[in-house]
Amino acid sequence: MPEHAKALRPEDLTRLFVERSNAGDAAGVAALYEEGAVMAYPPGEFTVGREAIRALWEKVLADGPRFEPEQPLPTLVSGDIALTSTPPRDGAGARAQVVRRQPDGSWLRLLDQPEFAPPAR
């Protein structure tokens, strides 16, 4: 896997995701996740592990979707674990990730809930 820029802050992961997705770089997107990461996608399913996440993004990015940056909500940090989130531009639900500081000081996603809707009232 080629060397990619690392997330030096938890918030960098969202920006790097958008940049790499828009470049069609599935391997670069997967490099933002720990080896054993769990992603709640496609809807109703889980994708487990960096290689499975790479394969999923290869399929998604094959159609050339464009992602727009979303303003992150305040990050919650406790030691080497952080919770990042963004409100989608369409106002529906939220996105949230649990990220972990790596031994080199960079951050990677451990759990990724890319889309969830608010509870029905």
N, C-alpha and C. Protein backbone atom coordinates (compact mmCIF):
# COMPACT_ATOMS: atom_id res chain seq x y z
N MET A 1 0.86 -1.17 0.00
CA MET A 1 0.00 0.00 0.00
C MET A 1 0.90 1.23 0.00
N PRO A 2 0.63 2.23 -0.87
CA PRO A 2 1.47 3.43 -0.90
C PRO A 2 1.33 4.22 0.40
N GLU A 3 2.33 5.03 0.68
CA GLU A 3 2.31 5.86 1.88
C GLU A 3 1.32 7.00 1.70
N HIS A 4 0.45 7.18 2.67
CA HIS A 4 -0.55 8.26 2.64
C HIS A 4 -0.29 9.19 3.82
N ALA A 5 -0.72 10.43 3.69
CA ALA A 5 -0.64 11.37 4.80
C ALA A 5 -1.45 10.81 5.96
N LYS A 6 -0.97 11.05 7.17
CA LYS A 6 -1.63 10.54 8.37
C LYS A 6 -2.48 11.63 9.02
N ALA A 7 -3.50 11.18 9.71
CA ALA A 7 -4.36 12.09 10.47
C ALA A 7 -3.63 12.42 11.77
N LEU A 8 -3.23 13.67 11.94
CA LEU A 8 -2.52 14.07 13.14
C LEU A 8 -3.47 14.51 14.25
N ARG A 9 -4.74 14.75 13.88
CA ARG A 9 -5.81 15.07 14.82
C ARG A 9 -7.01 14.22 14.44
N PRO A 10 -7.87 13.86 15.37
CA PRO A 10 -9.05 13.07 15.01
C PRO A 10 -9.86 13.70 13.89
N GLU A 11 -9.98 15.04 13.90
CA GLU A 11 -10.78 15.75 12.91
C GLU A 11 -10.21 15.63 11.50
N ASP A 12 -8.92 15.34 11.37
CA ASP A 12 -8.30 15.20 10.05
C ASP A 12 -8.87 14.03 9.27
N LEU A 13 -9.39 13.03 9.96
CA LEU A 13 -9.88 11.84 9.28
C LEU A 13 -11.02 12.15 8.32
N THR A 14 -11.92 13.04 8.70
CA THR A 14 -13.04 13.38 7.82
C THR A 14 -12.54 14.08 6.56
N ARG A 15 -11.62 15.04 6.72
CA ARG A 15 -11.06 15.75 5.57
C ARG A 15 -10.31 14.79 4.65
N LEU A 16 -9.50 13.91 5.21
CA LEU A 16 -8.75 12.94 4.40
C LEU A 16 -9.69 11.99 3.68
N PHE A 17 -10.78 11.60 4.35
CA PHE A 17 -11.77 10.73 3.71
C PHE A 17 -12.33 11.39 2.46
N VAL A 18 -12.74 12.65 2.57
CA VAL A 18 -13.32 13.36 1.43
C VAL A 18 -12.29 13.48 0.31
N GLU A 19 -11.07 13.88 0.64
CA GLU A 19 -10.03 14.04 -0.38
C GLU A 19 -9.76 12.73 -1.12
N ARG A 20 -9.60 11.66 -0.38
CA ARG A 20 -9.26 10.37 -0.99
C ARG A 20 -10.43 9.79 -1.75
N SER A 21 -11.63 9.94 -1.23
CA SER A 21 -12.82 9.44 -1.95
C SER A 21 -12.98 10.17 -3.27
N ASN A 22 -12.84 11.48 -3.26
CA ASN A 22 -13.00 12.26 -4.48
C ASN A 22 -11.89 11.99 -5.49
N ALA A 23 -10.76 11.47 -5.01
CA ALA A 23 -9.66 11.09 -5.91
C ALA A 23 -9.82 9.65 -6.40
N GLY A 24 -10.87 8.94 -5.92
CA GLY A 24 -11.09 7.55 -6.32
C GLY A 24 -10.10 6.59 -5.69
N ASP A 25 -9.52 6.96 -4.55
CA ASP A 25 -8.46 6.20 -3.89
C ASP A 25 -9.02 5.30 -2.79
N ALA A 26 -9.53 4.13 -3.17
CA ALA A 26 -10.10 3.20 -2.19
C ALA A 26 -9.07 2.73 -1.18
N ALA A 27 -7.85 2.47 -1.63
CA ALA A 27 -6.79 2.05 -0.70
C ALA A 27 -6.48 3.16 0.29
N GLY A 28 -6.50 4.41 -0.19
CA GLY A 28 -6.27 5.54 0.71
C GLY A 28 -7.38 5.71 1.73
N VAL A 29 -8.62 5.47 1.32
CA VAL A 29 -9.74 5.51 2.26
C VAL A 29 -9.56 4.40 3.30
N ALA A 30 -9.25 3.20 2.86
CA ALA A 30 -9.06 2.07 3.78
C ALA A 30 -7.92 2.32 4.76
N ALA A 31 -6.90 3.07 4.33
CA ALA A 31 -5.76 3.36 5.20
C ALA A 31 -6.16 4.25 6.38
N LEU A 32 -7.36 4.81 6.37
CA LEU A 32 -7.85 5.62 7.48
C LEU A 32 -8.45 4.77 8.60
N TYR A 33 -8.49 3.45 8.40
CA TYR A 33 -9.11 2.52 9.34
C TYR A 33 -8.06 1.58 9.94
N GLU A 34 -8.28 1.19 11.19
CA GLU A 34 -7.45 0.15 11.80
C GLU A 34 -7.70 -1.17 11.09
N GLU A 35 -6.77 -2.09 11.22
CA GLU A 35 -6.89 -3.41 10.57
C GLU A 35 -8.21 -4.10 10.89
N GLY A 36 -8.66 -4.04 12.13
CA GLY A 36 -9.88 -4.73 12.54
C GLY A 36 -11.09 -3.83 12.66
N ALA A 37 -11.08 -2.69 12.00
CA ALA A 37 -12.17 -1.71 12.11
C ALA A 37 -13.51 -2.30 11.66
N VAL A 38 -14.57 -1.75 12.19
CA VAL A 38 -15.93 -2.15 11.84
C VAL A 38 -16.68 -0.93 11.31
N MET A 39 -17.27 -1.09 10.14
CA MET A 39 -18.03 -0.02 9.51
C MET A 39 -19.48 -0.49 9.33
N ALA A 40 -20.42 0.31 9.77
CA ALA A 40 -21.84 -0.03 9.64
C ALA A 40 -22.33 0.43 8.27
N TYR A 41 -21.88 -0.28 7.26
CA TYR A 41 -22.24 0.04 5.87
C TYR A 41 -21.92 -1.17 5.01
N PRO A 42 -22.73 -1.49 4.01
CA PRO A 42 -23.96 -0.83 3.56
C PRO A 42 -25.05 -0.86 4.63
N PRO A 43 -26.09 -0.03 4.47
CA PRO A 43 -27.14 0.05 5.47
C PRO A 43 -27.67 -1.33 5.85
N GLY A 44 -27.74 -1.55 7.17
CA GLY A 44 -28.22 -2.81 7.69
C GLY A 44 -27.17 -3.90 7.75
N GLU A 45 -25.94 -3.60 7.35
CA GLU A 45 -24.86 -4.60 7.35
C GLU A 45 -23.62 -4.01 8.01
N PHE A 46 -22.63 -4.88 8.25
CA PHE A 46 -21.35 -4.46 8.78
C PHE A 46 -20.26 -4.89 7.82
N THR A 47 -19.27 -4.04 7.63
CA THR A 47 -18.07 -4.38 6.87
C THR A 47 -16.94 -4.39 7.88
N VAL A 48 -16.25 -5.53 8.00
CA VAL A 48 -15.26 -5.72 9.05
C VAL A 48 -13.88 -5.91 8.45
N GLY A 49 -12.93 -5.11 8.91
CA GLY A 49 -11.54 -5.24 8.51
C GLY A 49 -11.15 -4.29 7.39
N ARG A 50 -9.90 -3.84 7.44
CA ARG A 50 -9.41 -2.86 6.47
C ARG A 50 -9.52 -3.37 5.03
N GLU A 51 -9.21 -4.63 4.79
CA GLU A 51 -9.27 -5.15 3.42
C GLU A 51 -10.71 -5.17 2.90
N ALA A 52 -11.66 -5.57 3.74
CA ALA A 52 -13.06 -5.57 3.33
C ALA A 52 -13.55 -4.13 3.09
N ILE A 53 -13.09 -3.19 3.91
CA ILE A 53 -13.45 -1.79 3.73
C ILE A 53 -12.88 -1.28 2.41
N ARG A 54 -11.65 -1.65 2.08
CA ARG A 54 -11.05 -1.26 0.80
C ARG A 54 -11.88 -1.79 -0.36
N ALA A 55 -12.25 -3.08 -0.30
CA ALA A 55 -13.04 -3.69 -1.37
C ALA A 55 -14.39 -3.00 -1.52
N LEU A 56 -15.02 -2.68 -0.41
CA LEU A 56 -16.30 -1.96 -0.45
C LEU A 56 -16.14 -0.61 -1.13
N TRP A 57 -15.12 0.15 -0.75
CA TRP A 57 -14.93 1.47 -1.33
C TRP A 57 -14.51 1.41 -2.80
N GLU A 58 -13.84 0.36 -3.20
CA GLU A 58 -13.55 0.20 -4.64
C GLU A 58 -14.85 0.17 -5.42
N LYS A 59 -15.83 -0.57 -4.92
CA LYS A 59 -17.14 -0.66 -5.60
C LYS A 59 -17.85 0.68 -5.56
N VAL A 60 -17.90 1.31 -4.40
CA VAL A 60 -18.61 2.59 -4.26
C VAL A 60 -17.97 3.66 -5.13
N LEU A 61 -16.64 3.74 -5.12
CA LEU A 61 -15.95 4.81 -5.84
C LEU A 61 -15.89 4.56 -7.35
N ALA A 62 -16.20 3.36 -7.79
CA ALA A 62 -16.18 3.06 -9.23
C ALA A 62 -17.18 3.92 -10.00
N ASP A 63 -18.24 4.35 -9.33
CA ASP A 63 -19.25 5.20 -9.98
C ASP A 63 -18.90 6.69 -9.93
N GLY A 64 -17.75 7.03 -9.33
CA GLY A 64 -17.30 8.42 -9.29
C GLY A 64 -18.14 9.37 -8.46
N PRO A 65 -18.62 8.95 -7.28
CA PRO A 65 -19.40 9.90 -6.48
C PRO A 65 -18.52 11.05 -5.99
N ARG A 66 -19.14 12.19 -5.73
CA ARG A 66 -18.42 13.34 -5.19
C ARG A 66 -18.90 13.59 -3.77
N PHE A 67 -17.97 13.79 -2.88
CA PHE A 67 -18.27 14.05 -1.48
C PHE A 67 -17.92 15.50 -1.18
N GLU A 68 -18.77 16.15 -0.41
CA GLU A 68 -18.52 17.52 0.01
C GLU A 68 -18.10 17.51 1.48
N PRO A 69 -17.15 18.36 1.83
CA PRO A 69 -16.76 18.43 3.25
C PRO A 69 -17.95 18.82 4.12
N GLU A 70 -18.01 18.24 5.30
CA GLU A 70 -19.03 18.56 6.29
C GLU A 70 -18.33 19.10 7.52
N GLN A 71 -18.88 20.14 8.09
CA GLN A 71 -18.28 20.76 9.27
C GLN A 71 -18.37 19.80 10.45
N PRO A 72 -17.22 19.43 11.05
CA PRO A 72 -17.28 18.49 12.18
C PRO A 72 -17.91 19.12 13.41
N LEU A 73 -18.59 18.29 14.17
CA LEU A 73 -19.08 18.68 15.48
C LEU A 73 -17.90 18.59 16.45
N PRO A 74 -18.01 19.16 17.64
CA PRO A 74 -16.88 19.08 18.58
C PRO A 74 -16.49 17.62 18.85
N THR A 75 -15.18 17.40 18.86
CA THR A 75 -14.64 16.07 19.11
C THR A 75 -14.53 15.83 20.61
N LEU A 76 -14.92 14.61 21.04
CA LEU A 76 -14.76 14.21 22.43
C LEU A 76 -13.53 13.32 22.51
N VAL A 77 -12.57 13.65 23.37
CA VAL A 77 -11.34 12.89 23.48
C VAL A 77 -11.17 12.42 24.92
N SER A 78 -10.83 11.14 25.07
CA SER A 78 -10.49 10.57 26.37
C SER A 78 -9.24 9.72 26.16
N GLY A 79 -8.10 10.27 26.51
CA GLY A 79 -6.85 9.55 26.31
C GLY A 79 -6.59 9.29 24.85
N ASP A 80 -6.50 8.02 24.48
CA ASP A 80 -6.20 7.64 23.11
C ASP A 80 -7.44 7.30 22.29
N ILE A 81 -8.62 7.57 22.82
CA ILE A 81 -9.88 7.30 22.12
C ILE A 81 -10.61 8.62 21.93
N ALA A 82 -11.24 8.77 20.77
CA ALA A 82 -12.01 9.99 20.50
C ALA A 82 -13.28 9.63 19.73
N LEU A 83 -14.28 10.47 19.88
CA LEU A 83 -15.53 10.36 19.14
C LEU A 83 -15.62 11.56 18.22
N THR A 84 -15.68 11.30 16.92
CA THR A 84 -15.86 12.37 15.94
C THR A 84 -17.22 12.22 15.30
N SER A 85 -17.77 13.34 14.84
CA SER A 85 -19.08 13.27 14.19
C SER A 85 -19.28 14.49 13.31
N THR A 86 -20.17 14.32 12.34
CA THR A 86 -20.56 15.42 11.47
C THR A 86 -22.06 15.31 11.21
N PRO A 87 -22.73 16.45 11.09
CA PRO A 87 -24.13 16.41 10.65
C PRO A 87 -24.14 16.42 9.12
N PRO A 88 -24.81 15.49 8.47
CA PRO A 88 -24.88 15.51 7.02
C PRO A 88 -25.50 16.80 6.52
N ARG A 89 -25.06 17.23 5.34
CA ARG A 89 -25.57 18.48 4.76
C ARG A 89 -27.08 18.45 4.54
N ASP A 90 -27.65 17.24 4.32
CA ASP A 90 -29.09 17.16 4.07
C ASP A 90 -29.91 17.21 5.36
N GLY A 91 -29.23 17.29 6.52
CA GLY A 91 -29.93 17.42 7.79
C GLY A 91 -30.54 16.14 8.31
N ALA A 92 -30.32 15.02 7.63
CA ALA A 92 -30.92 13.75 8.03
C ALA A 92 -29.94 12.95 8.88
N GLY A 93 -30.22 12.83 10.17
CA GLY A 93 -29.40 11.98 11.02
C GLY A 93 -28.04 12.57 11.33
N ALA A 94 -27.04 11.69 11.36
CA ALA A 94 -25.68 12.10 11.71
C ALA A 94 -24.70 11.04 11.23
N ARG A 95 -23.42 11.36 11.36
CA ARG A 95 -22.34 10.41 11.11
C ARG A 95 -21.45 10.44 12.35
N ALA A 96 -20.96 9.28 12.76
CA ALA A 96 -20.11 9.24 13.96
C ALA A 96 -19.05 8.16 13.81
N GLN A 97 -17.88 8.45 14.37
CA GLN A 97 -16.77 7.50 14.34
C GLN A 97 -16.07 7.49 15.69
N VAL A 98 -15.68 6.31 16.12
CA VAL A 98 -14.77 6.16 17.26
C VAL A 98 -13.40 5.95 16.64
N VAL A 99 -12.46 6.79 17.06
CA VAL A 99 -11.11 6.74 16.50
C VAL A 99 -10.11 6.51 17.63
N ARG A 100 -8.94 5.96 17.24
CA ARG A 100 -7.94 5.65 18.26
C ARG A 100 -6.58 6.18 17.83
N ARG A 101 -5.88 6.77 18.82
CA ARG A 101 -4.52 7.24 18.57
C ARG A 101 -3.61 6.02 18.41
N GLN A 102 -2.77 6.07 17.40
CA GLN A 102 -1.85 4.99 17.10
C GLN A 102 -0.50 5.24 17.81
N PRO A 103 0.35 4.22 17.90
CA PRO A 103 1.63 4.40 18.59
C PRO A 103 2.47 5.55 18.03
N ASP A 104 2.32 5.89 16.74
CA ASP A 104 3.10 6.99 16.15
C ASP A 104 2.43 8.35 16.38
N GLY A 105 1.30 8.38 17.09
CA GLY A 105 0.60 9.63 17.38
C GLY A 105 -0.49 9.98 16.39
N SER A 106 -0.57 9.27 15.27
CA SER A 106 -1.64 9.52 14.29
C SER A 106 -2.93 8.87 14.79
N TRP A 107 -4.03 9.13 14.07
CA TRP A 107 -5.34 8.62 14.45
C TRP A 107 -5.92 7.79 13.31
N LEU A 108 -6.62 6.69 13.67
CA LEU A 108 -7.33 5.86 12.70
C LEU A 108 -8.73 5.56 13.22
N ARG A 109 -9.63 5.30 12.29
CA ARG A 109 -11.00 4.92 12.66
C ARG A 109 -11.05 3.47 13.14
N LEU A 110 -11.78 3.27 14.22
CA LEU A 110 -11.99 1.94 14.78
C LEU A 110 -13.42 1.48 14.52
N LEU A 111 -14.38 2.37 14.76
CA LEU A 111 -15.80 2.12 14.52
C LEU A 111 -16.34 3.27 13.68
N ASP A 112 -17.09 2.94 12.65
CA ASP A 112 -17.61 3.97 11.76
C ASP A 112 -19.09 3.74 11.49
N GLN A 113 -19.90 4.70 11.90
CA GLN A 113 -21.33 4.70 11.62
C GLN A 113 -21.56 5.85 10.66
N PRO A 114 -21.39 5.59 9.33
CA PRO A 114 -21.43 6.69 8.37
C PRO A 114 -22.80 7.33 8.18
N GLU A 115 -23.85 6.64 8.52
CA GLU A 115 -25.19 7.20 8.37
C GLU A 115 -26.12 6.57 9.40
N PHE A 116 -26.81 7.40 10.13
CA PHE A 116 -27.94 6.90 10.90
C PHE A 116 -28.95 8.00 11.06
N ALA A 117 -30.18 7.60 11.05
CA ALA A 117 -31.30 8.54 11.09
C ALA A 117 -31.73 8.76 12.54
N PRO A 118 -32.30 9.93 12.81
CA PRO A 118 -32.83 10.15 14.15
C PRO A 118 -33.98 9.17 14.41
N PRO A 119 -34.21 8.85 15.69
CA PRO A 119 -35.31 7.92 16.00
C PRO A 119 -36.66 8.47 15.57
N ALA A 120 -37.52 7.58 15.15
CA ALA A 120 -38.89 8.00 14.77
C ALA A 120 -39.63 8.45 16.02
N ARG A 121 -40.43 9.44 15.85
CA ARG A 121 -41.17 9.97 17.03
C ARG A 121 -42.55 9.41 17.07
